[in-house]
Amino acid sequence: MFWHIFLLVSGVKLLFIPAYRSTDFEVHRNWLAVTHSLPLSRWYYEKTSEWTLDYPPFFAYFEWLLSHVAKSFDPRMLEVKNLNYASEQTILFQRFSVIVTDVVFALGVRRCLRALTSGDAKASRSVLIGGALLLGNAGLLMVDHIHFQYNGFLFGVLLLSIGALMENRPLQSAFLFAALLNLKHIFIYIAPVYMVYLLRFYCFRESTIGRAVMKLIKLGSVVAGVCLLSFGPFYNHIPQVLSRLFPFKRGLTHAYWAPNFWALYNTADKALTIALGRPGTATNASSTSGLVQTFEHSVLPSISPLVTFVLTGVAMLPVVVKLWTLKSSSSPAHLGRCFVRAIVLCGCTSFLFGWHVHEKAILMVLIPLTLLAVGNQQDARWTIFLGIVAHYSLFPLLFKPELTLVKISLHIAYTAVSIVLLKILHRGTFFRMHEFLYLAGFPILCVYENVVHGAIGLEERLPFLPLLLTSVYCAVGVAYFWLAYQVTFLRASNGNVTEGKKKK
């Protein structure tokens, strides 16, 4: 049945082949061309297109492998100078490449759910429900199969790594996570969780000093070996590669603000600027210009990358300390659940306080959280809550008018299915009254943005207002989740979040 669900969801994905495509479609077509047509030494120097290669080497190798299949569809898509090329064959290949590589995501989901439900009398039902929620995740459908990216493939590697850890295969888990970092370096935000867990529960767990040192050498060798495979061929070009991977001149926030702390900070700065009658100077870039660039705040202190890194690190510290202090005698299943909760919290921390965060990064929080939903009522209610907030926050990615009904329908359908399926596993009430009232504001916000804003003639005067409202309203929900979930995790005895009681 699990693979039947996968095939059913894949069928839905086929319906989106002719849908709107973002600039990321051309980004990946260009990377296919660069890796196929140029020698490896020029991959990170090529700049014919503005969409230069800025992912780690393993992803470049991934594109190179795909390019050898792509040439049988349409060789012209592999010409570097053929910018914005989008023949029917090119569209079919790129769309199918995302759908096919989602097999990795399905394998990761299945592995994690089996490990999480091991020993559960209702394991098969939990695996099916968890599989349906993860394989049919509305955010992945919107971001990967309409907007266009390969997040499903990347999250599949993450879940395979998490599953390996739950199966007590730490070196395999470290290998897979190191490979993931060399596919997309944004996952470095959750690296502290891996580092603390592997040191505490692999290297130093019931080991003598000698054995701990040997385990540490094994672990370091695995990680170093992966990095050598990735960066070794670029030995003479590492500074250039790193300059592409970490472009700090992109600014504190993206053109569309991710719903995080900095969206609230920017809004507060705008409000204070108006209240104090202190408009920004002509030389200052605007935070609402719609461009990816650095800008100076008008009233509040401007933020540097260093400030965001320090704030993110400090905010993560309580979670990793809590993870370190868990009892080593705990069962692998319990430690595995605590490990996933730490990933959720550190991922959310980086989303809230990181530099130039993209709205799509909220999936780094929601996907691992959904894993936990099948085994615990508290995790289930947070999965539904954050799912409603996160999926709405992705709406601005699909800005074409013809996609309005599609994205709203996806959101409503997925939310309804989530509630029904999780109610089968966990009876009782999911939301507090204030949470329900907050979530009830989303239909009102949607009506204003899609109907009222234009009807009252504000499209010309305040074109950025709908985006700002989405960012700010969703940021409140994400911040609330982060605070509440963190308090629960830190207060829990040995990281054991209270199980919701099921009514008979």
Protein backbone atom coordinates (compact mmCIF):
# COMPACT_ATOMS: atom_id res chain seq x y z
CA MET A 1 0.00 0.00 0.00
CA PHE A 2 2.89 2.41 0.69
CA TRP A 3 4.07 2.18 -2.90
CA HIS A 4 0.50 2.49 -4.13
CA ILE A 5 0.34 5.84 -2.34
CA PHE A 6 3.64 6.83 -3.96
CA LEU A 7 2.30 5.97 -7.43
CA LEU A 8 -0.95 7.84 -6.76
CA VAL A 9 0.91 10.97 -5.67
CA SER A 10 3.22 10.65 -8.68
CA GLY A 11 0.14 10.66 -10.87
CA VAL A 12 -0.94 13.94 -9.31
CA LYS A 13 2.53 15.37 -9.99
CA LEU A 14 2.12 14.57 -13.70
CA LEU A 15 -0.81 16.99 -13.80
CA PHE A 16 1.57 19.86 -12.95
CA ILE A 17 3.93 19.29 -15.92
CA PRO A 18 2.42 22.16 -17.99
CA ALA A 19 2.04 24.45 -14.94
CA TYR A 20 3.89 27.70 -14.23
CA ARG A 21 7.65 27.37 -13.83
CA SER A 22 9.84 29.73 -11.78
CA THR A 23 13.30 30.99 -12.68
CA ASP A 24 14.62 27.88 -10.87
CA PHE A 25 13.63 25.90 -13.96
CA GLU A 26 16.15 27.91 -16.02
CA VAL A 27 18.67 27.72 -13.15
CA HIS A 28 18.74 23.94 -13.31
CA ARG A 29 18.66 23.83 -17.12
CA ASN A 30 21.72 26.07 -17.11
CA TRP A 31 23.47 23.83 -14.60
CA LEU A 32 22.77 20.84 -16.84
CA ALA A 33 24.42 22.73 -19.70
CA VAL A 34 27.40 23.92 -17.65
CA THR A 35 28.24 20.50 -16.21
CA HIS A 36 27.73 18.70 -19.53
CA SER A 37 29.42 21.10 -21.95
CA LEU A 38 32.35 22.47 -19.92
CA PRO A 39 35.34 20.83 -18.22
CA LEU A 40 34.99 20.43 -14.45
CA SER A 41 37.60 23.14 -13.84
CA ARG A 42 35.27 25.77 -15.34
CA TRP A 43 31.99 24.81 -13.67
CA TYR A 44 32.25 27.36 -10.84
CA TYR A 45 33.67 30.12 -13.07
CA GLU A 46 31.08 30.04 -15.87
CA LYS A 47 28.82 33.12 -15.80
CA THR A 48 27.19 33.40 -19.23
CA SER A 49 23.89 33.11 -17.36
CA GLU A 50 23.14 35.13 -14.25
CA TRP A 51 22.09 31.82 -12.66
CA THR A 52 25.59 30.61 -11.90
CA LEU A 53 26.32 27.25 -10.24
CA ASP A 54 26.14 27.86 -6.47
CA TYR A 55 25.44 24.43 -4.97
CA PRO A 56 28.19 22.12 -3.59
CA PRO A 57 30.05 19.69 -5.89
CA PHE A 58 27.88 16.63 -5.25
CA PHE A 59 24.88 18.47 -6.66
CA ALA A 60 26.97 19.52 -9.65
CA TYR A 61 27.81 15.83 -10.19
CA PHE A 62 24.09 15.06 -9.87
CA GLU A 63 23.33 17.59 -12.62
CA TRP A 64 26.13 16.07 -14.73
CA LEU A 65 24.55 12.63 -14.41
CA LEU A 66 21.12 14.01 -15.34
CA SER A 67 22.62 15.77 -18.38
CA HIS A 68 23.59 12.44 -19.93
CA VAL A 69 19.93 11.44 -19.89
CA ALA A 70 18.81 14.92 -20.95
CA LYS A 71 20.75 14.79 -24.21
CA SER A 72 18.47 12.01 -25.46
CA PHE A 73 15.47 14.31 -24.95
CA ASP A 74 16.84 17.51 -26.53
CA PRO A 75 20.60 18.17 -26.91
CA ARG A 76 19.97 21.89 -27.36
CA MET A 77 19.08 22.30 -23.69
CA LEU A 78 22.73 21.47 -22.95
CA GLU A 79 24.14 24.48 -24.82
CA VAL A 80 25.49 27.03 -22.36
CA LYS A 81 24.61 30.01 -24.55
CA ASN A 82 21.05 28.80 -25.13
CA LEU A 83 19.59 30.89 -22.31
CA ASN A 84 15.95 30.50 -21.24
CA TYR A 85 15.55 27.50 -23.50
CA ALA A 86 12.33 25.60 -22.76
CA SER A 87 11.29 23.24 -25.53
CA GLU A 88 8.53 20.70 -24.83
CA GLN A 89 11.15 17.96 -24.51
CA THR A 90 13.15 20.07 -22.06
CA ILE A 91 10.10 20.67 -19.91
CA LEU A 92 9.19 16.99 -19.94
CA PHE A 93 12.70 15.91 -19.00
CA GLN A 94 13.12 18.36 -16.14
CA ARG A 95 9.65 17.71 -14.72
CA PHE A 96 10.12 13.94 -14.96
CA SER A 97 13.58 14.17 -13.39
CA VAL A 98 12.03 15.64 -10.22
CA ILE A 99 9.28 13.02 -10.14
CA VAL A 100 11.66 10.09 -10.68
CA THR A 101 14.25 11.24 -8.12
CA ASP A 102 11.45 11.49 -5.55
CA VAL A 103 11.92 7.73 -5.22
CA VAL A 104 14.78 8.64 -2.86
CA PHE A 105 12.30 10.61 -0.73
CA ALA A 106 9.92 7.65 -0.65
CA LEU A 107 12.72 5.31 0.46
CA GLY A 108 13.72 7.75 3.21
CA VAL A 109 10.12 8.13 4.42
CA ARG A 110 9.62 4.36 4.52
CA ARG A 111 12.88 3.76 6.38
CA CYS A 112 12.19 6.39 9.04
CA LEU A 113 8.57 5.38 9.62
CA ARG A 114 9.51 1.72 9.98
CA ALA A 115 12.21 2.61 12.51
CA LEU A 116 9.88 4.94 14.45
CA THR A 117 7.02 2.42 14.62
CA SER A 118 9.14 -0.66 15.32
CA GLY A 119 7.38 -2.75 17.95
CA ASP A 120 4.09 -0.87 17.57
CA ALA A 121 1.08 -3.17 17.27
CA LYS A 122 -0.41 -0.77 14.72
CA ALA A 123 2.83 -0.13 12.84
CA SER A 124 1.47 -0.85 9.36
CA ARG A 125 -1.36 1.66 9.79
CA SER A 126 1.04 4.29 11.15
CA VAL A 127 3.43 3.75 8.23
CA LEU A 128 0.59 4.19 5.72
CA ILE A 129 -0.73 7.34 7.39
CA GLY A 130 2.73 8.82 7.82
CA GLY A 131 3.55 7.87 4.24
CA ALA A 132 0.43 9.58 2.92
CA LEU A 133 1.19 12.79 4.85
CA LEU A 134 4.83 12.93 3.77
CA LEU A 135 4.58 11.70 0.18
CA GLY A 136 1.63 13.99 -0.47
CA ASN A 137 3.05 17.01 1.38
CA ALA A 138 1.46 20.10 -0.17
CA GLY A 139 4.61 22.18 0.30
CA LEU A 140 6.74 19.78 -1.73
CA LEU A 141 4.08 19.68 -4.45
CA MET A 142 4.07 23.47 -4.66
CA VAL A 143 7.82 24.01 -4.42
CA ASP A 144 9.12 21.07 -6.46
CA HIS A 145 6.43 20.23 -8.97
CA ILE A 146 5.04 23.68 -9.76
CA HIS A 147 7.68 26.22 -8.74
CA PHE A 148 10.45 23.69 -9.62
CA GLN A 149 13.23 22.35 -7.42
CA TYR A 150 14.67 19.03 -6.20
CA ASN A 151 13.81 19.26 -2.50
CA GLY A 152 12.18 15.83 -2.41
CA PHE A 153 15.42 14.16 -3.50
CA LEU A 154 17.41 16.14 -0.91
CA PHE A 155 14.98 15.44 1.92
CA GLY A 156 15.10 11.80 0.91
CA VAL A 157 18.83 11.71 1.65
CA LEU A 158 18.17 13.44 4.99
CA LEU A 159 15.50 10.90 5.94
CA LEU A 160 17.70 7.98 4.91
CA SER A 161 20.35 9.40 7.24
CA ILE A 162 17.88 9.81 10.10
CA GLY A 163 16.59 6.28 9.52
CA ALA A 164 20.12 4.88 9.64
CA LEU A 165 20.67 6.56 13.00
CA MET A 166 17.42 5.10 14.35
CA GLU A 167 18.55 1.67 13.18
CA ASN A 168 21.77 2.17 15.19
CA ARG A 169 23.98 2.58 12.12
CA PRO A 170 25.79 5.78 13.08
CA LEU A 171 28.58 5.63 10.50
CA GLN A 172 26.10 5.08 7.67
CA SER A 173 24.06 8.00 9.01
CA ALA A 174 27.17 10.22 9.13
CA PHE A 175 28.09 9.20 5.58
CA LEU A 176 24.63 10.08 4.25
CA PHE A 177 24.49 13.40 6.11
CA ALA A 178 27.95 14.37 4.89
CA ALA A 179 26.80 13.56 1.36
CA LEU A 180 23.72 15.73 1.95
CA LEU A 181 25.87 18.68 3.03
CA ASN A 182 27.80 18.27 -0.20
CA LEU A 183 24.55 18.28 -2.16
CA LYS A 184 23.06 21.40 -0.54
CA HIS A 185 24.94 23.26 2.15
CA ILE A 186 21.85 24.81 3.73
CA PHE A 187 21.56 21.60 5.78
CA ILE A 188 24.60 22.78 7.74
CA TYR A 189 22.04 24.45 10.01
CA ILE A 190 21.18 21.07 11.54
CA ALA A 191 24.79 19.81 11.58
CA PRO A 192 25.18 20.70 15.31
CA VAL A 193 22.47 18.14 16.14
CA TYR A 194 24.34 15.42 14.25
CA MET A 195 27.65 16.41 15.78
CA VAL A 196 26.36 16.35 19.36
CA TYR A 197 24.36 13.14 18.93
CA LEU A 198 27.16 11.18 17.23
CA LEU A 199 29.75 12.31 19.77
CA ARG A 200 27.51 11.62 22.76
CA PHE A 201 25.79 8.40 21.72
CA TYR A 202 28.33 6.83 19.35
CA CYS A 203 31.83 7.96 20.30
CA PHE A 204 31.43 8.41 24.06
CA ARG A 205 28.57 6.05 24.89
CA GLU A 206 29.81 3.43 27.35
CA SER A 207 33.30 3.54 25.83
CA THR A 208 36.77 3.58 27.28
CA ILE A 209 39.02 6.43 26.20
CA GLY A 210 40.78 4.19 23.71
CA ARG A 211 37.55 2.95 22.11
CA ALA A 212 36.14 6.49 22.05
CA VAL A 213 39.22 7.72 20.20
CA MET A 214 38.94 4.87 17.68
CA LYS A 215 35.26 5.64 17.08
CA LEU A 216 36.10 9.32 16.69
CA ILE A 217 38.74 8.45 14.09
CA LYS A 218 36.23 6.27 12.21
CA LEU A 219 33.63 9.03 12.26
CA GLY A 220 36.12 11.67 11.14
CA SER A 221 37.39 9.40 8.37
CA VAL A 222 33.88 8.90 6.98
CA VAL A 223 33.12 12.63 6.93
CA ALA A 224 36.56 13.56 5.57
CA GLY A 225 36.30 10.86 2.90
CA VAL A 226 32.98 12.24 1.64
CA CYS A 227 34.34 15.80 1.55
CA LEU A 228 37.44 14.60 -0.29
CA LEU A 229 35.29 12.91 -2.93
CA SER A 230 33.25 16.09 -3.27
CA PHE A 231 35.88 18.83 -3.23
CA GLY A 232 38.95 16.83 -4.24
CA PRO A 233 38.54 17.39 -8.01
CA PHE A 234 38.26 21.13 -7.29
CA TYR A 235 41.42 21.28 -5.20
CA ASN A 236 42.87 24.20 -7.14
CA HIS A 237 39.54 26.05 -7.23
CA ILE A 238 38.23 25.77 -3.67
CA PRO A 239 38.27 29.56 -2.96
CA GLN A 240 36.15 30.12 -6.09
CA VAL A 241 33.76 27.31 -5.14
CA LEU A 242 33.33 28.72 -1.63
CA SER A 243 32.71 32.23 -2.99
CA ARG A 244 29.78 30.79 -4.95
CA LEU A 245 28.43 28.82 -1.99
CA PHE A 246 28.43 31.72 0.48
CA PRO A 247 27.45 34.97 -1.30
CA PHE A 248 26.94 37.24 1.69
CA LYS A 249 26.03 40.26 -0.46
CA ARG A 250 22.51 38.97 -1.03
CA GLY A 251 21.13 40.80 1.96
CA LEU A 252 19.45 39.99 5.27
CA THR A 253 16.16 38.95 3.70
CA HIS A 254 15.07 37.59 0.35
CA ALA A 255 13.02 39.68 -2.09
CA TYR A 256 9.95 38.01 -0.57
CA TRP A 257 10.59 37.94 3.16
CA ALA A 258 10.57 34.48 4.66
CA PRO A 259 8.15 34.44 7.63
CA ASN A 260 10.82 34.74 10.31
CA PHE A 261 12.14 37.11 12.97
CA TRP A 262 13.68 39.41 10.36
CA ALA A 263 10.32 39.89 8.65
CA LEU A 264 9.01 41.19 11.97
CA TYR A 265 12.18 43.28 12.39
CA ASN A 266 11.88 44.83 8.94
CA THR A 267 8.21 45.59 9.54
CA ALA A 268 8.98 47.23 12.87
CA ASP A 269 11.63 49.35 11.14
CA LYS A 270 9.11 50.41 8.47
CA ALA A 271 6.50 51.26 11.10
CA LEU A 272 8.96 53.29 13.15
CA THR A 273 10.17 55.10 10.04
CA ILE A 274 6.62 56.21 9.25
CA ALA A 275 5.75 57.00 12.88
CA LEU A 276 8.86 59.12 13.39
CA GLY A 277 8.70 60.74 9.95
CA ARG A 278 12.19 59.52 9.07
CA PRO A 279 12.12 58.11 5.52
CA GLY A 280 15.22 56.27 4.33
CA THR A 281 17.83 58.21 2.40
CA ALA A 282 17.95 58.03 -1.37
CA THR A 283 21.16 56.01 -1.22
CA ASN A 284 19.65 53.29 0.91
CA ALA A 285 18.24 50.21 -0.77
CA SER A 286 14.67 49.44 0.21
CA SER A 287 13.74 46.22 2.01
CA THR A 288 10.50 46.17 -0.01
CA SER A 289 12.02 46.89 -3.43
CA GLY A 290 11.55 43.30 -4.55
CA LEU A 291 15.26 42.99 -5.34
CA VAL A 292 17.83 40.65 -3.77
CA GLN A 293 20.30 43.12 -2.31
CA THR A 294 21.72 44.51 0.91
CA PHE A 295 19.95 47.45 2.50
CA GLU A 296 20.23 49.67 5.57
CA HIS A 297 17.46 49.91 8.15
CA SER A 298 16.18 53.41 8.70
CA VAL A 299 15.57 53.40 12.47
CA LEU A 300 16.58 50.05 13.95
CA PRO A 301 20.23 48.93 13.80
CA SER A 302 21.21 47.30 10.52
CA ILE A 303 22.05 43.60 10.77
CA SER A 304 25.27 41.96 9.54
CA PRO A 305 25.78 38.26 8.71
CA LEU A 306 27.85 37.87 11.89
CA VAL A 307 24.94 39.02 14.05
CA THR A 308 22.62 36.42 12.51
CA PHE A 309 25.20 33.64 12.94
CA VAL A 310 25.80 34.49 16.60
CA LEU A 311 22.07 34.82 17.33
CA THR A 312 21.33 31.51 15.60
CA GLY A 313 24.12 29.71 17.48
CA VAL A 314 23.05 31.08 20.87
CA ALA A 315 19.41 30.19 20.23
CA MET A 316 20.37 26.60 19.28
CA LEU A 317 22.50 26.09 22.39
CA PRO A 318 19.73 25.00 24.83
CA VAL A 319 18.52 22.31 22.44
CA VAL A 320 21.93 20.75 21.75
CA VAL A 321 22.79 20.90 25.46
CA LYS A 322 19.52 19.10 26.25
CA LEU A 323 20.35 16.48 23.62
CA TRP A 324 23.81 15.96 25.16
CA THR A 325 22.34 15.43 28.64
CA LEU A 326 19.90 12.67 27.63
CA LYS A 327 20.52 9.35 29.35
CA SER A 328 22.66 7.03 27.26
CA SER A 329 20.70 4.08 28.68
CA SER A 330 17.55 5.23 26.87
CA SER A 331 16.21 3.02 24.10
CA PRO A 332 17.35 3.71 20.51
CA ALA A 333 13.73 4.50 19.57
CA HIS A 334 13.45 7.13 22.31
CA LEU A 335 16.81 8.68 21.47
CA GLY A 336 15.80 8.69 17.81
CA ARG A 337 12.62 10.66 18.53
CA CYS A 338 14.59 13.16 20.65
CA PHE A 339 17.12 13.47 17.84
CA VAL A 340 14.37 14.31 15.33
CA ARG A 341 12.85 16.86 17.72
CA ALA A 342 16.27 18.50 18.04
CA ILE A 343 16.50 18.64 14.22
CA VAL A 344 13.07 20.28 14.10
CA LEU A 345 14.05 22.90 16.66
CA CYS A 346 17.49 23.68 15.23
CA GLY A 347 16.02 23.85 11.74
CA CYS A 348 13.37 26.25 13.00
CA THR A 349 15.98 28.32 14.84
CA SER A 350 18.02 28.76 11.68
CA PHE A 351 14.86 29.61 9.75
CA LEU A 352 13.91 32.29 12.26
CA PHE A 353 17.31 33.95 12.71
CA GLY A 354 19.44 32.97 9.71
CA TRP A 355 20.92 35.24 7.02
CA HIS A 356 19.00 35.55 3.73
CA VAL A 357 16.60 32.71 4.50
CA HIS A 358 14.32 31.53 1.69
CA GLU A 359 10.68 30.84 2.45
CA LYS A 360 11.09 27.27 1.15
CA ALA A 361 13.42 26.45 4.07
CA ILE A 362 10.39 26.01 6.35
CA LEU A 363 10.12 22.51 4.86
CA MET A 364 13.32 21.64 6.73
CA VAL A 365 11.22 22.00 9.88
CA LEU A 366 7.92 20.57 8.68
CA ILE A 367 9.16 17.35 7.04
CA PRO A 368 10.98 15.95 10.12
CA LEU A 369 8.12 17.10 12.37
CA THR A 370 5.62 15.16 10.25
CA LEU A 371 7.65 11.99 10.90
CA LEU A 372 6.87 12.32 14.60
CA ALA A 373 3.16 12.96 14.09
CA VAL A 374 2.25 9.28 13.80
CA GLY A 375 3.58 8.41 17.26
CA ASN A 376 2.62 11.31 19.52
CA GLN A 377 -0.49 13.47 19.80
CA GLN A 378 1.49 16.58 20.72
CA ASP A 379 3.69 16.20 17.66
CA ALA A 380 0.57 15.57 15.59
CA ARG A 381 -1.10 18.81 16.65
CA TRP A 382 2.06 20.80 15.98
CA THR A 383 2.36 19.17 12.57
CA ILE A 384 -1.13 20.35 11.64
CA PHE A 385 -0.56 23.82 13.11
CA LEU A 386 2.80 24.40 11.43
CA GLY A 387 1.57 22.78 8.22
CA ILE A 388 -1.24 25.34 7.89
CA VAL A 389 1.17 28.22 8.53
CA ALA A 390 4.03 26.88 6.39
CA HIS A 391 1.97 25.99 3.35
CA TYR A 392 0.23 29.35 3.34
CA SER A 393 3.61 31.08 3.60
CA LEU A 394 4.58 29.42 0.29
CA PHE A 395 1.65 30.98 -1.60
CA PRO A 396 3.65 33.99 -2.90
CA LEU A 397 5.93 31.58 -4.80
CA LEU A 398 2.94 30.75 -7.00
CA PHE A 399 1.95 34.31 -7.80
CA LYS A 400 0.28 33.76 -11.18
CA PRO A 401 -3.50 34.46 -10.99
CA GLU A 402 -4.32 31.13 -12.66
CA LEU A 403 -2.58 29.32 -9.77
CA THR A 404 -4.67 30.94 -7.02
CA LEU A 405 -7.32 28.24 -7.03
CA VAL A 406 -4.69 25.49 -7.35
CA LYS A 407 -2.66 26.53 -4.31
CA ILE A 408 -5.73 27.20 -2.15
CA SER A 409 -7.22 23.84 -3.10
CA LEU A 410 -3.94 22.03 -2.35
CA HIS A 411 -3.75 23.72 1.05
CA ILE A 412 -7.34 22.95 2.03
CA ALA A 413 -7.22 19.36 0.78
CA TYR A 414 -3.93 18.56 2.51
CA THR A 415 -5.02 20.17 5.78
CA ALA A 416 -8.31 18.26 5.76
CA VAL A 417 -6.58 14.94 5.01
CA SER A 418 -3.99 15.61 7.73
CA ILE A 419 -6.66 16.24 10.35
CA VAL A 420 -8.71 13.18 9.37
CA LEU A 421 -5.73 10.79 9.23
CA LEU A 422 -4.17 12.00 12.47
CA LYS A 423 -7.56 11.84 14.19
CA ILE A 424 -7.58 8.14 13.33
CA LEU A 425 -4.34 7.74 15.29
CA HIS A 426 -4.90 10.31 18.02
CA ARG A 427 -8.29 11.20 19.41
CA GLY A 428 -8.98 14.40 21.25
CA THR A 429 -8.68 18.11 20.56
CA PHE A 430 -5.67 19.32 18.58
CA PHE A 431 -5.77 23.10 19.18
CA ARG A 432 -6.03 25.50 22.09
CA MET A 433 -8.59 28.28 21.65
CA HIS A 434 -6.01 30.99 20.90
CA GLU A 435 -4.34 28.72 18.34
CA PHE A 436 -7.67 28.08 16.64
CA LEU A 437 -8.42 31.83 16.53
CA TYR A 438 -5.00 32.51 15.00
CA LEU A 439 -5.48 29.83 12.33
CA ALA A 440 -8.96 31.18 11.60
CA GLY A 441 -7.29 34.40 10.46
CA PHE A 442 -5.83 32.73 7.34
CA PRO A 443 -9.10 32.65 5.35
CA ILE A 444 -9.58 36.35 6.19
CA LEU A 445 -6.01 37.13 5.10
CA CYS A 446 -6.51 35.15 1.88
CA VAL A 447 -9.71 37.05 0.99
CA TYR A 448 -8.05 40.39 1.64
CA GLU A 449 -4.97 39.61 -0.45
CA ASN A 450 -6.84 38.14 -3.40
CA VAL A 451 -10.02 40.24 -3.45
CA VAL A 452 -10.15 43.23 -1.12
CA HIS A 453 -6.66 44.69 -1.74
CA GLY A 454 -7.33 45.17 -5.44
CA ALA A 455 -10.96 46.14 -4.98
CA ILE A 456 -10.10 49.12 -2.77
CA GLY A 457 -7.44 50.36 -5.20
CA LEU A 458 -4.25 49.72 -3.20
CA GLU A 459 -2.40 47.70 -5.87
CA GLU A 460 -0.71 50.83 -7.25
CA ARG A 461 -0.01 52.63 -3.97
CA LEU A 462 0.98 49.65 -1.79
CA PRO A 463 1.88 46.75 -4.08
CA PHE A 464 4.06 45.08 -1.43
CA LEU A 465 1.36 45.04 1.28
CA PRO A 466 -0.06 41.54 0.58
CA LEU A 467 3.43 40.02 0.71
CA LEU A 468 4.21 41.90 3.91
CA LEU A 469 0.97 40.72 5.54
CA THR A 470 1.68 37.11 4.57
CA SER A 471 5.23 37.25 5.88
CA VAL A 472 4.32 38.92 9.16
CA TYR A 473 1.22 36.85 9.93
CA CYS A 474 3.01 33.59 9.17
CA ALA A 475 6.10 34.75 11.11
CA VAL A 476 3.95 35.10 14.22
CA GLY A 477 2.82 31.49 13.84
CA VAL A 478 6.33 30.14 13.20
CA ALA A 479 7.74 32.05 16.19
CA TYR A 480 4.90 30.79 18.42
CA PHE A 481 5.55 27.20 17.34
CA TRP A 482 9.30 27.56 17.96
CA LEU A 483 8.81 28.95 21.46
CA ALA A 484 6.11 26.49 22.52
CA TYR A 485 7.79 23.41 21.06
CA GLN A 486 11.15 24.36 22.53
CA VAL A 487 9.71 24.90 26.00
CA THR A 488 8.01 21.50 25.82
CA PHE A 489 11.22 19.76 24.71
CA LEU A 490 13.44 21.46 27.29
CA ARG A 491 11.03 20.83 30.16
CA ALA A 492 10.39 17.19 29.30
CA SER A 493 12.07 14.61 31.48
CA ASN A 494 14.87 13.05 29.42
CA GLY A 495 13.39 14.68 26.31
CA ASN A 496 10.23 12.57 26.57
CA VAL A 497 7.41 14.77 25.26
CA THR A 498 4.15 13.84 26.96
CA GLU A 499 2.08 11.43 24.97
CA GLY A 500 -1.47 12.47 24.21
CA LYS A 501 -3.96 10.16 25.89
CA LYS A 502 -6.24 8.34 23.51
CA LYS A 503 -9.90 8.10 24.38
CA LYS A 504 -11.52 4.74 23.99
